[in-house]
């Protein structure tokens, strides 16, 4: 998927998400959804049902309320690990999309990729994502039999 197609998909998905969120909240409540690629760089997108001034005010309030407390429980050096795990999770999500569109001739390669991804998650102590990768691996192994 090229950048233009990805941008269009993000815009379309954000619109659908906004419609859903807006229906779930009581009348008069505002929301903003921020979407951005994991890791450094990239462009942030947002969608909201509120006026820009209200969004900025709410974001400043959130920052002020959380800036001194945010991440107090996170040990030194964990931010770099979080970034690495975030990138790995993003890659797994991309692979899930690819897997859904695969033809059977490529499945052996993807089974191998899923096995490597599970090992990476296990090394980083992320057992939930390792289990998820293993489940996909097992499903594809069974579908090739």
N, C-alpha and C. Protein backbone atom coordinates (compact mmCIF):
# COMPACT_ATOMS: atom_id res chain seq x y z
N UNK A 1 0.86 -1.17 0.00
CA UNK A 1 0.00 0.00 0.00
C UNK A 1 0.90 1.24 0.00
N UNK A 2 0.70 2.12 -0.97
CA UNK A 2 1.52 3.33 -1.00
C UNK A 2 1.00 4.35 0.01
N UNK A 3 1.78 5.43 0.21
CA UNK A 3 1.46 6.42 1.24
C UNK A 3 0.10 7.07 1.00
N UNK A 4 -0.21 7.38 -0.23
CA UNK A 4 -1.50 8.02 -0.54
C UNK A 4 -2.67 7.10 -0.19
N UNK A 5 -2.53 5.82 -0.52
CA UNK A 5 -3.58 4.86 -0.20
C UNK A 5 -3.71 4.68 1.31
N UNK A 6 -2.56 4.64 1.99
CA UNK A 6 -2.59 4.49 3.45
C UNK A 6 -3.24 5.71 4.10
N UNK A 7 -2.90 6.92 3.62
CA UNK A 7 -3.52 8.14 4.16
C UNK A 7 -5.03 8.12 3.96
N UNK A 8 -5.48 7.70 2.78
CA UNK A 8 -6.91 7.63 2.49
C UNK A 8 -7.61 6.62 3.40
N UNK A 9 -6.96 5.49 3.63
CA UNK A 9 -7.52 4.47 4.52
C UNK A 9 -7.64 5.01 5.94
N UNK A 10 -6.59 5.69 6.41
CA UNK A 10 -6.63 6.26 7.76
C UNK A 10 -7.77 7.27 7.87
N UNK A 11 -7.92 8.15 6.88
CA UNK A 11 -9.01 9.13 6.92
C UNK A 11 -10.37 8.44 6.94
N UNK A 12 -10.54 7.44 6.10
CA UNK A 12 -11.81 6.71 6.04
C UNK A 12 -12.09 5.99 7.36
N UNK A 13 -11.08 5.33 7.90
CA UNK A 13 -11.25 4.61 9.17
C UNK A 13 -11.56 5.57 10.31
N UNK A 14 -10.89 6.73 10.32
CA UNK A 14 -11.16 7.71 11.38
C UNK A 14 -12.59 8.24 11.30
N UNK A 15 -13.08 8.47 10.10
CA UNK A 15 -14.47 8.93 9.94
C UNK A 15 -15.45 7.89 10.48
N UNK A 16 -15.22 6.62 10.14
CA UNK A 16 -16.08 5.55 10.64
C UNK A 16 -16.01 5.47 12.16
N UNK A 17 -14.81 5.58 12.71
CA UNK A 17 -14.62 5.53 14.15
C UNK A 17 -15.33 6.70 14.83
N UNK A 18 -15.21 7.88 14.23
CA UNK A 18 -15.84 9.08 14.80
C UNK A 18 -17.36 8.93 14.84
N UNK A 19 -17.93 8.41 13.78
CA UNK A 19 -19.39 8.21 13.77
C UNK A 19 -19.80 7.27 14.91
N UNK A 20 -19.02 6.21 15.09
CA UNK A 20 -19.34 5.24 16.15
C UNK A 20 -19.21 5.88 17.54
N UNK A 21 -18.09 6.55 17.79
CA UNK A 21 -17.86 7.17 19.10
C UNK A 21 -18.94 8.21 19.39
N UNK A 22 -19.27 9.03 18.41
CA UNK A 22 -20.26 10.09 18.60
C UNK A 22 -21.61 9.51 19.01
N UNK A 23 -21.99 8.37 18.44
CA UNK A 23 -23.26 7.73 18.78
C UNK A 23 -23.25 7.17 20.20
N UNK A 24 -22.07 6.81 20.72
CA UNK A 24 -21.97 6.17 22.03
C UNK A 24 -22.02 7.18 23.18
N UNK A 25 -21.61 8.41 22.92
CA UNK A 25 -21.53 9.42 23.98
C UNK A 25 -22.86 10.15 24.16
N UNK A 26 -23.12 10.63 25.39
CA UNK A 26 -24.33 11.44 25.60
C UNK A 26 -24.25 12.75 24.80
N UNK A 27 -25.39 13.31 24.50
CA UNK A 27 -25.45 14.58 23.78
C UNK A 27 -24.65 15.64 24.54
N UNK A 28 -23.88 16.41 23.79
CA UNK A 28 -23.11 17.50 24.38
C UNK A 28 -21.68 17.11 24.78
N UNK A 29 -21.34 15.87 24.66
CA UNK A 29 -19.99 15.43 24.98
C UNK A 29 -19.13 15.51 23.74
N UNK A 30 -17.89 15.97 23.94
CA UNK A 30 -16.95 16.05 22.84
C UNK A 30 -15.90 14.96 22.94
N UNK A 31 -15.27 14.69 21.82
CA UNK A 31 -14.19 13.71 21.80
C UNK A 31 -13.19 14.09 20.72
N UNK A 32 -11.99 13.56 20.87
CA UNK A 32 -10.97 13.67 19.84
C UNK A 32 -10.23 12.34 19.81
N UNK A 33 -9.96 11.85 18.62
CA UNK A 33 -9.19 10.62 18.45
C UNK A 33 -7.92 11.00 17.70
N UNK A 34 -6.77 10.69 18.27
CA UNK A 34 -5.48 10.94 17.63
C UNK A 34 -4.98 9.63 17.04
N UNK A 35 -4.47 9.70 15.82
CA UNK A 35 -3.91 8.52 15.17
C UNK A 35 -2.57 8.90 14.57
N UNK A 36 -1.56 8.05 14.80
CA UNK A 36 -0.22 8.34 14.32
C UNK A 36 0.56 7.05 14.22
N UNK A 37 1.56 7.01 13.35
CA UNK A 37 2.40 5.81 13.28
C UNK A 37 3.23 5.67 14.55
N UNK A 38 3.42 4.45 15.00
CA UNK A 38 4.25 4.21 16.18
C UNK A 38 5.69 4.58 15.89
N UNK A 39 6.40 5.00 16.92
CA UNK A 39 7.80 5.35 16.76
C UNK A 39 7.98 6.80 16.35
N UNK A 40 9.22 7.14 16.06
CA UNK A 40 9.56 8.52 15.71
C UNK A 40 9.07 8.84 14.30
N UNK A 41 8.80 10.12 14.07
CA UNK A 41 8.42 10.57 12.74
C UNK A 41 6.95 10.31 12.47
N UNK A 42 6.58 10.55 11.24
CA UNK A 42 5.19 10.32 10.85
C UNK A 42 4.33 11.54 11.13
N UNK A 43 3.12 11.47 10.62
CA UNK A 43 2.19 12.58 10.75
C UNK A 43 1.01 12.13 11.60
N UNK A 44 0.61 12.99 12.53
CA UNK A 44 -0.53 12.68 13.36
C UNK A 44 -1.79 13.17 12.66
N UNK A 45 -2.82 12.33 12.70
CA UNK A 45 -4.14 12.69 12.21
C UNK A 45 -5.08 12.71 13.40
N UNK A 46 -6.14 13.50 13.30
CA UNK A 46 -7.13 13.47 14.36
C UNK A 46 -8.50 13.70 13.76
N UNK A 47 -9.49 13.27 14.53
CA UNK A 47 -10.88 13.54 14.16
C UNK A 47 -11.61 13.83 15.45
N UNK A 48 -12.61 14.70 15.36
CA UNK A 48 -13.31 15.13 16.56
C UNK A 48 -14.71 15.59 16.20
N UNK A 49 -15.56 15.67 17.21
CA UNK A 49 -16.88 16.27 17.02
C UNK A 49 -16.95 17.63 17.71
N UNK A 50 -15.80 18.12 18.16
CA UNK A 50 -15.74 19.37 18.93
C UNK A 50 -15.06 20.47 18.12
N UNK A 51 -15.21 21.69 18.61
CA UNK A 51 -14.54 22.83 18.02
C UNK A 51 -13.05 22.75 18.37
N UNK A 52 -12.23 23.27 17.48
CA UNK A 52 -10.78 23.20 17.68
C UNK A 52 -10.35 23.81 19.02
N UNK A 53 -10.92 24.93 19.38
CA UNK A 53 -10.56 25.58 20.64
C UNK A 53 -10.85 24.66 21.84
N UNK A 54 -11.98 23.94 21.78
CA UNK A 54 -12.32 23.02 22.87
C UNK A 54 -11.34 21.84 22.91
N UNK A 55 -10.90 21.38 21.74
CA UNK A 55 -9.94 20.28 21.68
C UNK A 55 -8.61 20.70 22.30
N UNK A 56 -8.13 21.87 21.91
CA UNK A 56 -6.85 22.37 22.42
C UNK A 56 -6.94 22.55 23.93
N UNK A 57 -8.04 23.12 24.43
CA UNK A 57 -8.21 23.31 25.87
C UNK A 57 -8.20 21.95 26.58
N UNK A 58 -8.93 20.98 26.06
CA UNK A 58 -8.99 19.66 26.68
C UNK A 58 -7.61 18.99 26.68
N UNK A 59 -6.86 19.16 25.59
CA UNK A 59 -5.54 18.55 25.53
C UNK A 59 -4.58 19.19 26.54
N UNK A 60 -4.65 20.52 26.67
CA UNK A 60 -3.82 21.18 27.68
C UNK A 60 -4.19 20.69 29.08
N UNK A 61 -5.49 20.56 29.34
CA UNK A 61 -5.92 20.07 30.65
C UNK A 61 -5.39 18.66 30.90
N UNK A 62 -5.45 17.81 29.88
CA UNK A 62 -4.94 16.44 30.02
C UNK A 62 -3.44 16.45 30.29
N UNK A 63 -2.71 17.25 29.56
CA UNK A 63 -1.26 17.32 29.74
C UNK A 63 -0.92 17.80 31.14
N UNK A 64 -1.58 18.85 31.58
CA UNK A 64 -1.31 19.38 32.92
C UNK A 64 -1.65 18.37 34.01
N UNK A 65 -2.75 17.64 33.82
CA UNK A 65 -3.18 16.68 34.83
C UNK A 65 -2.28 15.45 34.90
N UNK A 66 -1.59 15.15 33.81
CA UNK A 66 -0.84 13.89 33.77
C UNK A 66 0.67 14.04 33.66
N UNK A 67 1.17 15.22 33.35
CA UNK A 67 2.60 15.33 33.03
C UNK A 67 3.51 14.96 34.19
N UNK A 68 3.12 15.24 35.41
CA UNK A 68 3.99 14.91 36.55
C UNK A 68 3.82 13.46 37.00
N UNK A 69 2.70 12.86 36.67
CA UNK A 69 2.41 11.51 37.13
C UNK A 69 2.62 10.47 36.04
N UNK A 70 2.55 10.87 34.79
CA UNK A 70 2.59 9.93 33.68
C UNK A 70 3.91 9.18 33.66
N UNK A 71 3.85 7.89 33.67
CA UNK A 71 5.04 7.08 33.56
C UNK A 71 5.85 6.94 34.83
N UNK A 72 5.30 7.34 35.99
CA UNK A 72 6.05 7.19 37.24
C UNK A 72 6.40 5.74 37.51
N UNK A 73 5.54 4.84 37.08
CA UNK A 73 5.74 3.42 37.33
C UNK A 73 6.69 2.77 36.31
N UNK A 74 7.12 3.52 35.31
CA UNK A 74 7.94 2.96 34.24
C UNK A 74 9.42 3.06 34.63
N UNK A 75 10.13 1.94 34.67
CA UNK A 75 11.55 1.99 35.04
C UNK A 75 12.40 2.67 33.97
N UNK A 76 13.56 3.15 34.38
CA UNK A 76 14.52 3.80 33.47
C UNK A 76 14.81 2.89 32.28
N UNK A 77 14.82 3.44 31.11
CA UNK A 77 15.13 2.67 29.90
C UNK A 77 13.93 1.97 29.29
N UNK A 78 12.79 1.99 29.97
CA UNK A 78 11.61 1.29 29.46
C UNK A 78 11.03 1.98 28.24
N UNK A 79 11.26 3.29 28.11
CA UNK A 79 10.72 4.00 26.96
C UNK A 79 11.26 3.44 25.66
N UNK A 80 12.55 3.14 25.61
CA UNK A 80 13.14 2.56 24.40
C UNK A 80 12.53 1.19 24.12
N UNK A 81 12.32 0.40 25.17
CA UNK A 81 11.70 -0.91 25.00
C UNK A 81 10.26 -0.75 24.52
N UNK A 82 9.53 0.22 25.07
CA UNK A 82 8.16 0.47 24.64
C UNK A 82 8.11 0.84 23.17
N UNK A 83 9.06 1.66 22.73
CA UNK A 83 9.09 2.05 21.32
C UNK A 83 9.33 0.83 20.43
N UNK A 84 10.27 -0.02 20.85
CA UNK A 84 10.57 -1.23 20.08
C UNK A 84 9.36 -2.16 20.03
N UNK A 85 8.69 -2.34 21.16
CA UNK A 85 7.50 -3.17 21.19
C UNK A 85 6.37 -2.55 20.37
N UNK A 86 6.25 -1.24 20.43
CA UNK A 86 5.23 -0.55 19.63
C UNK A 86 5.44 -0.79 18.15
N UNK A 87 6.69 -0.69 17.72
CA UNK A 87 6.99 -0.95 16.31
C UNK A 87 6.71 -2.41 15.95
N UNK A 88 7.05 -3.32 16.85
CA UNK A 88 6.79 -4.74 16.58
C UNK A 88 5.29 -5.01 16.52
N UNK A 89 4.52 -4.39 17.41
CA UNK A 89 3.06 -4.56 17.37
C UNK A 89 2.48 -4.00 16.08
N UNK A 90 2.99 -2.86 15.66
CA UNK A 90 2.52 -2.27 14.40
C UNK A 90 2.83 -3.21 13.24
N UNK A 91 4.00 -3.82 13.25
CA UNK A 91 4.39 -4.74 12.19
C UNK A 91 3.51 -5.99 12.20
N UNK A 92 3.20 -6.49 13.40
CA UNK A 92 2.30 -7.65 13.50
C UNK A 92 0.94 -7.30 12.90
N UNK A 93 0.42 -6.11 13.21
CA UNK A 93 -0.87 -5.69 12.65
C UNK A 93 -0.80 -5.62 11.13
N UNK A 94 0.30 -5.11 10.60
CA UNK A 94 0.47 -5.07 9.15
C UNK A 94 0.50 -6.48 8.57
N UNK A 95 1.22 -7.38 9.26
CA UNK A 95 1.30 -8.76 8.80
C UNK A 95 -0.07 -9.45 8.85
N UNK A 96 -0.87 -9.13 9.86
CA UNK A 96 -2.21 -9.71 9.93
C UNK A 96 -3.03 -9.33 8.70
N UNK A 97 -2.90 -8.06 8.28
CA UNK A 97 -3.60 -7.63 7.07
C UNK A 97 -3.11 -8.37 5.83
N UNK A 98 -1.80 -8.56 5.75
CA UNK A 98 -1.23 -9.29 4.62
C UNK A 98 -1.70 -10.75 4.64
N UNK A 99 -1.69 -11.34 5.82
CA UNK A 99 -2.09 -12.74 5.95
C UNK A 99 -3.53 -12.96 5.47
N UNK A 100 -4.38 -12.00 5.74
CA UNK A 100 -5.78 -12.14 5.35
C UNK A 100 -5.94 -12.18 3.82
N UNK A 101 -4.97 -11.63 3.09
CA UNK A 101 -5.08 -11.56 1.63
C UNK A 101 -4.18 -12.55 0.91
N UNK A 102 -3.61 -13.49 1.63
CA UNK A 102 -2.62 -14.40 1.04
C UNK A 102 -3.21 -15.50 0.20
N UNK A 103 -2.42 -15.95 -0.75
CA UNK A 103 -2.78 -17.19 -1.44
C UNK A 103 -1.97 -18.31 -0.80
N UNK A 104 -2.39 -19.56 -0.95
CA UNK A 104 -1.75 -20.68 -0.24
C UNK A 104 -0.26 -20.87 -0.54
N UNK A 105 0.24 -20.43 -1.68
CA UNK A 105 1.64 -20.68 -2.01
C UNK A 105 2.59 -19.89 -1.12
N UNK A 106 2.14 -18.79 -0.53
CA UNK A 106 3.00 -17.97 0.32
C UNK A 106 2.89 -18.32 1.80
N UNK A 107 2.04 -19.24 2.14
CA UNK A 107 1.77 -19.51 3.55
C UNK A 107 2.97 -20.06 4.31
N UNK A 108 3.79 -20.86 3.68
CA UNK A 108 4.96 -21.42 4.37
C UNK A 108 5.89 -20.30 4.83
N UNK A 109 6.10 -19.29 3.98
CA UNK A 109 6.93 -18.16 4.38
C UNK A 109 6.31 -17.39 5.54
N UNK A 110 5.00 -17.22 5.50
CA UNK A 110 4.34 -16.46 6.56
C UNK A 110 4.31 -17.22 7.88
N UNK A 111 4.22 -18.53 7.81
CA UNK A 111 4.30 -19.33 9.03
C UNK A 111 5.67 -19.11 9.68
N UNK A 112 6.69 -19.08 8.86
CA UNK A 112 8.05 -18.84 9.36
C UNK A 112 8.14 -17.44 9.99
N UNK A 113 7.57 -16.44 9.32
CA UNK A 113 7.59 -15.06 9.83
C UNK A 113 6.87 -14.98 11.18
N UNK A 114 5.72 -15.63 11.27
CA UNK A 114 4.96 -15.60 12.53
C UNK A 114 5.74 -16.27 13.66
N UNK A 115 6.44 -17.33 13.33
CA UNK A 115 7.27 -18.00 14.34
C UNK A 115 8.36 -17.07 14.85
N UNK A 116 9.03 -16.35 13.94
CA UNK A 116 10.07 -15.39 14.33
C UNK A 116 9.46 -14.26 15.16
N UNK A 117 8.28 -13.76 14.75
CA UNK A 117 7.64 -12.67 15.50
C UNK A 117 7.31 -13.13 16.92
N UNK A 118 6.80 -14.35 17.06
CA UNK A 118 6.48 -14.86 18.39
C UNK A 118 7.74 -14.94 19.25
N UNK A 119 8.85 -15.38 18.66
CA UNK A 119 10.11 -15.44 19.40
C UNK A 119 10.55 -14.06 19.86
N UNK A 120 10.40 -13.04 18.99
CA UNK A 120 10.77 -11.68 19.35
C UNK A 120 9.93 -11.18 20.52
N UNK A 121 8.64 -11.42 20.46
CA UNK A 121 7.78 -10.98 21.55
C UNK A 121 8.12 -11.71 22.85
N UNK A 122 8.41 -12.99 22.76
CA UNK A 122 8.78 -13.74 23.97
C UNK A 122 10.06 -13.20 24.57
N UNK A 123 11.04 -12.87 23.72
CA UNK A 123 12.30 -12.30 24.22
C UNK A 123 12.07 -10.98 24.94
N UNK A 124 11.08 -10.21 24.48
CA UNK A 124 10.78 -8.92 25.09
C UNK A 124 9.78 -9.03 26.23
N UNK A 125 9.39 -10.27 26.56
CA UNK A 125 8.49 -10.48 27.68
C UNK A 125 7.05 -10.14 27.39
N UNK A 126 6.68 -10.00 26.14
CA UNK A 126 5.30 -9.66 25.78
C UNK A 126 4.56 -10.94 25.41
N UNK A 127 4.12 -11.65 26.43
CA UNK A 127 3.52 -12.97 26.22
C UNK A 127 2.19 -12.91 25.48
N UNK A 128 1.43 -11.85 25.66
CA UNK A 128 0.14 -11.74 24.97
C UNK A 128 0.34 -11.68 23.46
N UNK A 129 1.30 -10.86 23.02
CA UNK A 129 1.56 -10.75 21.58
C UNK A 129 2.24 -12.00 21.05
N UNK A 130 3.06 -12.64 21.86
CA UNK A 130 3.69 -13.91 21.44
C UNK A 130 2.61 -14.96 21.23
N UNK A 131 1.66 -15.02 22.14
CA UNK A 131 0.56 -15.97 22.01
C UNK A 131 -0.26 -15.69 20.75
N UNK A 132 -0.51 -14.42 20.50
CA UNK A 132 -1.27 -14.04 19.30
C UNK A 132 -0.55 -14.50 18.03
N UNK A 133 0.75 -14.27 17.96
CA UNK A 133 1.52 -14.69 16.79
C UNK A 133 1.51 -16.20 16.66
N UNK A 134 1.63 -16.91 17.78
CA UNK A 134 1.61 -18.38 17.76
C UNK A 134 0.24 -18.90 17.30
N UNK A 135 -0.83 -18.24 17.72
CA UNK A 135 -2.17 -18.65 17.30
C UNK A 135 -2.34 -18.52 15.79
N UNK A 136 -1.86 -17.41 15.23
CA UNK A 136 -1.91 -17.24 13.78
C UNK A 136 -1.04 -18.28 13.08
N UNK A 137 0.12 -18.53 13.65
CA UNK A 137 1.02 -19.53 13.08
C UNK A 137 0.31 -20.89 13.03
N UNK A 138 -0.29 -21.28 14.15
CA UNK A 138 -0.97 -22.57 14.22
C UNK A 138 -2.15 -22.62 13.24
N UNK A 139 -2.90 -21.55 13.13
CA UNK A 139 -4.04 -21.51 12.22
C UNK A 139 -3.58 -21.70 10.77
N UNK A 140 -2.49 -21.05 10.41
CA UNK A 140 -1.99 -21.19 9.03
C UNK A 140 -1.38 -22.57 8.80
N UNK A 141 -0.76 -23.12 9.82
CA UNK A 141 -0.23 -24.48 9.67
C UNK A 141 -1.37 -25.47 9.43
N UNK A 142 -2.46 -25.31 10.16
CA UNK A 142 -3.60 -26.20 10.01
C UNK A 142 -4.30 -26.00 8.66
N UNK A 143 -4.30 -24.76 8.16
CA UNK A 143 -4.99 -24.49 6.89
C UNK A 143 -4.21 -25.02 5.69
N UNK A 144 -2.94 -25.34 5.88
CA UNK A 144 -2.15 -25.86 4.76
C UNK A 144 -2.18 -27.38 4.72
N UNK A 145 -2.78 -28.02 5.71
CA UNK A 145 -2.82 -29.48 5.75
C UNK A 145 -3.97 -30.00 4.91
